[in-house]
């Protein structure tokens, strides 16, 4: 945690359907059990990852990262479901998405919302 990558509102986390991934990372970082409630989990996520965007939330009509990339015309480098390739595709898709569909207000309106957990 001393790296400054978490607990830092200057760092933007860009994800795709992130609840399980960030939950696993939180468990490793805190060495504790995750909160038992959705509200407690969301609060912990917002504390550790204060500026986080979930592309699946932003592009609700696409079920997969591949589908989002196709819609946005972003090319994949590497193999599907490999961490490096998926991370690069997620970052590229986010850049294209924000350039194409949003203005600077994206930071205030959509940050911190996890697909499937924060909106019923």
N, C-alpha and C. Protein backbone atom coordinates (compact mmCIF):
# COMPACT_ATOMS: atom_id res chain seq x y z
N UNK A 1 0.82 -1.19 0.00
CA UNK A 1 0.00 0.00 0.00
C UNK A 1 0.86 1.25 0.00
N UNK A 2 2.12 1.11 0.37
CA UNK A 2 3.01 2.26 0.40
C UNK A 2 3.32 2.79 -0.99
N UNK A 3 3.02 2.02 -2.02
CA UNK A 3 3.31 2.44 -3.39
C UNK A 3 2.49 3.65 -3.82
N UNK A 4 1.35 3.86 -3.18
CA UNK A 4 0.47 4.96 -3.57
C UNK A 4 -0.52 4.60 -4.67
N UNK A 5 -0.55 3.34 -5.07
CA UNK A 5 -1.46 2.92 -6.13
C UNK A 5 -2.89 2.80 -5.61
N UNK A 6 -3.05 2.44 -4.35
CA UNK A 6 -4.38 2.38 -3.74
C UNK A 6 -4.50 3.50 -2.71
N UNK A 7 -5.72 3.76 -2.28
CA UNK A 7 -5.98 4.81 -1.30
C UNK A 7 -5.54 6.17 -1.83
N UNK A 8 -5.62 6.36 -3.13
CA UNK A 8 -5.08 7.57 -3.76
C UNK A 8 -6.06 8.07 -4.81
N UNK A 9 -6.63 9.24 -4.60
CA UNK A 9 -7.61 9.75 -5.56
C UNK A 9 -6.97 10.38 -6.79
N UNK A 10 -5.64 10.32 -6.89
CA UNK A 10 -4.95 10.76 -8.11
C UNK A 10 -4.78 9.62 -9.11
N UNK A 11 -5.06 8.40 -8.67
CA UNK A 11 -4.92 7.22 -9.54
C UNK A 11 -6.30 6.83 -10.04
N UNK A 12 -6.42 6.65 -11.35
CA UNK A 12 -7.68 6.18 -11.95
C UNK A 12 -7.58 4.69 -12.23
N UNK A 13 -8.51 3.93 -11.68
CA UNK A 13 -8.60 2.50 -11.95
C UNK A 13 -9.64 2.29 -13.04
N UNK A 14 -9.26 1.60 -14.10
CA UNK A 14 -10.17 1.31 -15.20
C UNK A 14 -10.36 -0.20 -15.24
N UNK A 15 -11.62 -0.63 -15.16
CA UNK A 15 -11.93 -2.05 -15.00
C UNK A 15 -13.04 -2.49 -15.95
N UNK A 16 -13.26 -3.80 -15.98
CA UNK A 16 -14.41 -4.34 -16.69
C UNK A 16 -15.03 -5.41 -15.81
N UNK A 17 -16.23 -5.15 -15.30
CA UNK A 17 -16.95 -6.09 -14.42
C UNK A 17 -16.04 -6.51 -13.27
N UNK A 18 -15.73 -5.55 -12.42
CA UNK A 18 -14.60 -5.62 -11.50
C UNK A 18 -14.84 -6.14 -10.10
N UNK A 19 -16.04 -6.41 -9.71
CA UNK A 19 -16.32 -6.71 -8.29
C UNK A 19 -15.47 -7.87 -7.76
N UNK A 20 -15.40 -8.96 -8.50
CA UNK A 20 -14.61 -10.11 -8.03
C UNK A 20 -13.12 -9.80 -8.02
N UNK A 21 -12.63 -9.14 -9.08
CA UNK A 21 -11.21 -8.82 -9.15
C UNK A 21 -10.79 -7.88 -8.02
N UNK A 22 -11.55 -6.82 -7.82
CA UNK A 22 -11.19 -5.88 -6.76
C UNK A 22 -11.41 -6.48 -5.38
N UNK A 23 -12.42 -7.33 -5.25
CA UNK A 23 -12.63 -8.03 -3.98
C UNK A 23 -11.44 -8.90 -3.62
N UNK A 24 -10.92 -9.63 -4.59
CA UNK A 24 -9.75 -10.47 -4.37
C UNK A 24 -8.54 -9.61 -3.99
N UNK A 25 -8.35 -8.52 -4.71
CA UNK A 25 -7.23 -7.62 -4.41
C UNK A 25 -7.37 -7.02 -3.01
N UNK A 26 -8.58 -6.65 -2.62
CA UNK A 26 -8.81 -6.12 -1.27
C UNK A 26 -8.47 -7.14 -0.20
N UNK A 27 -8.86 -8.37 -0.43
CA UNK A 27 -8.57 -9.44 0.54
C UNK A 27 -7.06 -9.60 0.72
N UNK A 28 -6.33 -9.53 -0.37
CA UNK A 28 -4.87 -9.64 -0.29
C UNK A 28 -4.26 -8.43 0.41
N UNK A 29 -4.73 -7.24 0.06
CA UNK A 29 -4.16 -6.01 0.63
C UNK A 29 -4.44 -5.87 2.13
N UNK A 30 -5.63 -6.26 2.56
CA UNK A 30 -6.01 -6.04 3.96
C UNK A 30 -5.75 -7.24 4.85
N UNK A 31 -5.57 -8.42 4.25
CA UNK A 31 -5.40 -9.67 5.02
C UNK A 31 -6.59 -9.90 5.96
N UNK A 32 -7.76 -9.50 5.51
CA UNK A 32 -8.99 -9.67 6.30
C UNK A 32 -10.09 -10.23 5.42
N UNK A 33 -11.13 -10.70 6.09
CA UNK A 33 -12.32 -11.13 5.36
C UNK A 33 -13.00 -9.91 4.77
N UNK A 34 -13.64 -10.13 3.64
CA UNK A 34 -14.39 -9.04 3.01
C UNK A 34 -15.66 -8.76 3.81
N UNK A 35 -16.18 -7.55 3.74
CA UNK A 35 -17.43 -7.23 4.42
C UNK A 35 -18.56 -8.16 3.97
N UNK A 36 -19.48 -8.42 4.86
CA UNK A 36 -20.58 -9.33 4.55
C UNK A 36 -21.72 -8.66 3.82
N UNK A 37 -21.77 -7.33 3.83
CA UNK A 37 -22.86 -6.63 3.16
C UNK A 37 -22.37 -5.95 1.88
N UNK A 38 -23.29 -5.78 0.96
CA UNK A 38 -22.97 -5.08 -0.29
C UNK A 38 -22.53 -3.65 0.01
N UNK A 39 -23.20 -2.99 0.93
CA UNK A 39 -22.86 -1.62 1.28
C UNK A 39 -21.45 -1.53 1.87
N UNK A 40 -21.12 -2.46 2.76
CA UNK A 40 -19.78 -2.48 3.36
C UNK A 40 -18.70 -2.73 2.33
N UNK A 41 -18.98 -3.65 1.40
CA UNK A 41 -18.03 -3.95 0.33
C UNK A 41 -17.83 -2.73 -0.57
N UNK A 42 -18.92 -2.09 -0.97
CA UNK A 42 -18.83 -0.91 -1.84
C UNK A 42 -18.07 0.22 -1.15
N UNK A 43 -18.29 0.39 0.14
CA UNK A 43 -17.58 1.44 0.88
C UNK A 43 -16.08 1.16 0.91
N UNK A 44 -15.70 -0.09 1.13
CA UNK A 44 -14.29 -0.46 1.15
C UNK A 44 -13.66 -0.27 -0.23
N UNK A 45 -14.39 -0.61 -1.27
CA UNK A 45 -13.90 -0.39 -2.64
C UNK A 45 -13.65 1.10 -2.86
N UNK A 46 -14.60 1.94 -2.47
CA UNK A 46 -14.45 3.39 -2.67
C UNK A 46 -13.28 3.96 -1.86
N UNK A 47 -12.99 3.35 -0.72
CA UNK A 47 -11.86 3.80 0.09
C UNK A 47 -10.53 3.46 -0.59
N UNK A 48 -10.38 2.22 -1.01
CA UNK A 48 -9.11 1.78 -1.60
C UNK A 48 -8.93 2.22 -3.05
N UNK A 49 -10.03 2.34 -3.78
CA UNK A 49 -9.98 2.70 -5.20
C UNK A 49 -10.93 3.88 -5.43
N UNK A 50 -10.58 5.06 -4.92
CA UNK A 50 -11.54 6.18 -4.91
C UNK A 50 -11.98 6.65 -6.30
N UNK A 51 -11.15 6.46 -7.31
CA UNK A 51 -11.53 6.85 -8.67
C UNK A 51 -11.43 5.60 -9.55
N UNK A 52 -12.55 4.90 -9.67
CA UNK A 52 -12.59 3.63 -10.39
C UNK A 52 -13.74 3.68 -11.39
N UNK A 53 -13.46 3.25 -12.61
CA UNK A 53 -14.49 3.19 -13.65
C UNK A 53 -14.66 1.75 -14.09
N UNK A 54 -15.89 1.30 -14.15
CA UNK A 54 -16.20 -0.03 -14.64
C UNK A 54 -16.83 0.12 -16.02
N UNK A 55 -16.09 -0.28 -17.05
CA UNK A 55 -16.57 -0.12 -18.42
C UNK A 55 -17.87 -0.88 -18.65
N UNK A 56 -18.05 -2.00 -17.97
CA UNK A 56 -19.31 -2.75 -18.16
C UNK A 56 -20.50 -1.91 -17.71
N UNK A 57 -20.32 -1.09 -16.69
CA UNK A 57 -21.38 -0.18 -16.26
C UNK A 57 -21.59 0.92 -17.31
N UNK A 58 -20.50 1.46 -17.81
CA UNK A 58 -20.59 2.55 -18.78
C UNK A 58 -21.21 2.09 -20.10
N UNK A 59 -20.95 0.85 -20.49
CA UNK A 59 -21.45 0.29 -21.75
C UNK A 59 -22.42 -0.85 -21.42
N UNK A 60 -23.51 -0.55 -20.79
CA UNK A 60 -24.44 -1.55 -20.27
C UNK A 60 -24.97 -2.54 -21.30
N UNK A 61 -24.89 -2.20 -22.56
CA UNK A 61 -25.51 -3.05 -23.57
C UNK A 61 -24.52 -4.04 -24.17
N UNK A 62 -23.32 -4.14 -23.62
CA UNK A 62 -22.34 -5.13 -24.08
C UNK A 62 -22.06 -6.09 -22.94
N UNK A 63 -22.13 -7.38 -23.24
CA UNK A 63 -21.92 -8.38 -22.20
C UNK A 63 -20.46 -8.75 -21.99
N UNK A 64 -19.60 -8.42 -22.94
CA UNK A 64 -18.21 -8.85 -22.83
C UNK A 64 -17.26 -7.72 -23.18
N UNK A 65 -16.03 -7.86 -22.71
CA UNK A 65 -15.00 -6.90 -23.06
C UNK A 65 -14.76 -6.93 -24.57
N UNK A 66 -14.80 -8.11 -25.14
CA UNK A 66 -14.64 -8.25 -26.60
C UNK A 66 -15.74 -7.47 -27.33
N UNK A 67 -16.97 -7.58 -26.84
CA UNK A 67 -18.09 -6.86 -27.44
C UNK A 67 -17.93 -5.35 -27.36
N UNK A 68 -17.45 -4.87 -26.22
CA UNK A 68 -17.20 -3.44 -26.06
C UNK A 68 -16.13 -2.99 -27.04
N UNK A 69 -15.05 -3.77 -27.13
CA UNK A 69 -13.96 -3.42 -28.04
C UNK A 69 -14.44 -3.38 -29.48
N UNK A 70 -15.27 -4.34 -29.86
CA UNK A 70 -15.82 -4.34 -31.23
C UNK A 70 -16.67 -3.10 -31.48
N UNK A 71 -17.55 -2.78 -30.53
CA UNK A 71 -18.41 -1.59 -30.68
C UNK A 71 -17.60 -0.32 -30.84
N UNK A 72 -16.50 -0.24 -30.09
CA UNK A 72 -15.68 0.97 -30.11
C UNK A 72 -14.58 0.92 -31.17
N UNK A 73 -14.50 -0.20 -31.88
CA UNK A 73 -13.48 -0.40 -32.91
C UNK A 73 -12.07 -0.29 -32.34
N UNK A 74 -11.84 -1.03 -31.25
CA UNK A 74 -10.54 -1.09 -30.60
C UNK A 74 -9.97 -2.48 -30.84
N UNK A 75 -8.75 -2.55 -31.34
CA UNK A 75 -8.12 -3.84 -31.63
C UNK A 75 -7.44 -4.41 -30.40
N UNK A 76 -7.51 -5.73 -30.27
CA UNK A 76 -6.84 -6.45 -29.19
C UNK A 76 -5.42 -6.78 -29.61
N UNK A 77 -4.51 -6.72 -28.64
CA UNK A 77 -3.15 -7.20 -28.82
C UNK A 77 -3.02 -8.41 -27.89
N UNK A 78 -2.69 -9.56 -28.43
CA UNK A 78 -2.53 -10.75 -27.60
C UNK A 78 -3.77 -11.61 -27.57
N UNK A 79 -3.80 -12.51 -26.59
CA UNK A 79 -4.83 -13.53 -26.47
C UNK A 79 -5.91 -13.13 -25.48
N UNK A 80 -7.15 -13.42 -25.83
CA UNK A 80 -8.30 -13.16 -24.97
C UNK A 80 -8.15 -13.88 -23.63
N UNK A 81 -8.59 -13.26 -22.56
CA UNK A 81 -8.57 -13.80 -21.20
C UNK A 81 -7.16 -13.98 -20.64
N UNK A 82 -6.20 -13.24 -21.17
CA UNK A 82 -4.86 -13.17 -20.60
C UNK A 82 -4.75 -11.80 -19.94
N UNK A 83 -4.21 -11.75 -18.74
CA UNK A 83 -4.23 -10.52 -17.94
C UNK A 83 -3.67 -9.31 -18.68
N UNK A 84 -2.52 -9.44 -19.29
CA UNK A 84 -1.91 -8.30 -19.98
C UNK A 84 -2.74 -7.82 -21.15
N UNK A 85 -3.20 -8.76 -21.96
CA UNK A 85 -4.00 -8.42 -23.13
C UNK A 85 -5.33 -7.79 -22.73
N UNK A 86 -5.99 -8.38 -21.74
CA UNK A 86 -7.27 -7.84 -21.28
C UNK A 86 -7.10 -6.45 -20.65
N UNK A 87 -6.02 -6.26 -19.90
CA UNK A 87 -5.76 -4.96 -19.27
C UNK A 87 -5.53 -3.87 -20.32
N UNK A 88 -4.72 -4.19 -21.32
CA UNK A 88 -4.45 -3.22 -22.38
C UNK A 88 -5.73 -2.91 -23.16
N UNK A 89 -6.52 -3.93 -23.46
CA UNK A 89 -7.77 -3.72 -24.18
C UNK A 89 -8.74 -2.87 -23.35
N UNK A 90 -8.80 -3.12 -22.06
CA UNK A 90 -9.66 -2.34 -21.17
C UNK A 90 -9.24 -0.86 -21.18
N UNK A 91 -7.95 -0.61 -21.06
CA UNK A 91 -7.45 0.77 -21.06
C UNK A 91 -7.73 1.46 -22.39
N UNK A 92 -7.49 0.77 -23.49
CA UNK A 92 -7.74 1.36 -24.81
C UNK A 92 -9.23 1.61 -25.03
N UNK A 93 -10.05 0.68 -24.60
CA UNK A 93 -11.50 0.85 -24.75
C UNK A 93 -11.98 2.04 -23.92
N UNK A 94 -11.45 2.20 -22.72
CA UNK A 94 -11.84 3.33 -21.88
C UNK A 94 -11.46 4.66 -22.53
N UNK A 95 -10.26 4.73 -23.05
CA UNK A 95 -9.83 5.97 -23.72
C UNK A 95 -10.72 6.30 -24.90
N UNK A 96 -11.04 5.29 -25.70
CA UNK A 96 -11.89 5.51 -26.87
C UNK A 96 -13.30 5.90 -26.44
N UNK A 97 -13.81 5.21 -25.42
CA UNK A 97 -15.15 5.48 -24.91
C UNK A 97 -15.27 6.91 -24.40
N UNK A 98 -14.31 7.34 -23.60
CA UNK A 98 -14.39 8.69 -23.05
C UNK A 98 -14.21 9.75 -24.13
N UNK A 99 -13.35 9.48 -25.10
CA UNK A 99 -13.16 10.45 -26.19
C UNK A 99 -14.40 10.55 -27.06
N UNK A 100 -15.09 9.43 -27.23
CA UNK A 100 -16.22 9.38 -28.16
C UNK A 100 -17.55 9.80 -27.53
N UNK A 101 -17.78 9.47 -26.27
CA UNK A 101 -19.11 9.61 -25.69
C UNK A 101 -19.24 10.52 -24.48
N UNK A 102 -18.14 10.92 -23.85
CA UNK A 102 -18.25 11.67 -22.60
C UNK A 102 -17.41 12.93 -22.65
N UNK A 103 -17.75 13.85 -21.75
CA UNK A 103 -16.91 15.02 -21.55
C UNK A 103 -16.25 14.88 -20.18
N UNK A 104 -15.66 15.93 -19.68
CA UNK A 104 -14.94 15.86 -18.41
C UNK A 104 -15.82 15.44 -17.24
N UNK A 105 -17.13 15.55 -17.37
CA UNK A 105 -18.02 15.21 -16.26
C UNK A 105 -18.06 13.72 -15.96
N UNK A 106 -17.46 12.89 -16.80
CA UNK A 106 -17.46 11.45 -16.52
C UNK A 106 -16.86 11.16 -15.15
N UNK A 107 -15.89 11.92 -14.73
CA UNK A 107 -15.23 11.66 -13.46
C UNK A 107 -16.18 11.77 -12.28
N UNK A 108 -17.15 12.63 -12.38
CA UNK A 108 -18.06 12.83 -11.26
C UNK A 108 -19.31 11.97 -11.35
N UNK A 109 -19.73 11.65 -12.53
CA UNK A 109 -21.00 10.94 -12.70
C UNK A 109 -20.87 9.42 -12.64
N UNK A 110 -19.76 8.88 -13.06
CA UNK A 110 -19.67 7.44 -13.22
C UNK A 110 -18.58 6.76 -12.40
N UNK A 111 -17.72 7.50 -11.77
CA UNK A 111 -16.65 6.90 -10.97
C UNK A 111 -17.24 6.17 -9.77
N UNK A 112 -16.66 5.03 -9.45
CA UNK A 112 -17.04 4.29 -8.26
C UNK A 112 -18.24 3.38 -8.38
N UNK A 113 -18.80 3.24 -9.58
CA UNK A 113 -19.98 2.39 -9.76
C UNK A 113 -19.54 1.05 -10.33
N UNK A 114 -19.83 -0.03 -9.61
CA UNK A 114 -19.49 -1.38 -10.07
C UNK A 114 -20.72 -2.03 -10.70
N UNK A 115 -20.55 -2.53 -11.90
CA UNK A 115 -21.64 -3.20 -12.59
C UNK A 115 -22.15 -4.37 -11.74
N UNK A 116 -23.45 -4.44 -11.59
CA UNK A 116 -24.07 -5.56 -10.89
C UNK A 116 -24.16 -5.42 -9.38
N UNK A 117 -23.48 -4.43 -8.81
CA UNK A 117 -23.52 -4.27 -7.35
C UNK A 117 -24.11 -2.95 -6.91
N UNK A 118 -23.71 -1.88 -7.55
CA UNK A 118 -24.09 -0.56 -7.06
C UNK A 118 -25.39 -0.03 -7.61
N UNK A 119 -25.91 -0.61 -8.68
CA UNK A 119 -27.17 -0.15 -9.25
C UNK A 119 -28.09 -1.35 -9.38
N UNK A 120 -29.26 -1.26 -8.81
CA UNK A 120 -30.21 -2.37 -8.86
C UNK A 120 -30.98 -2.37 -10.16
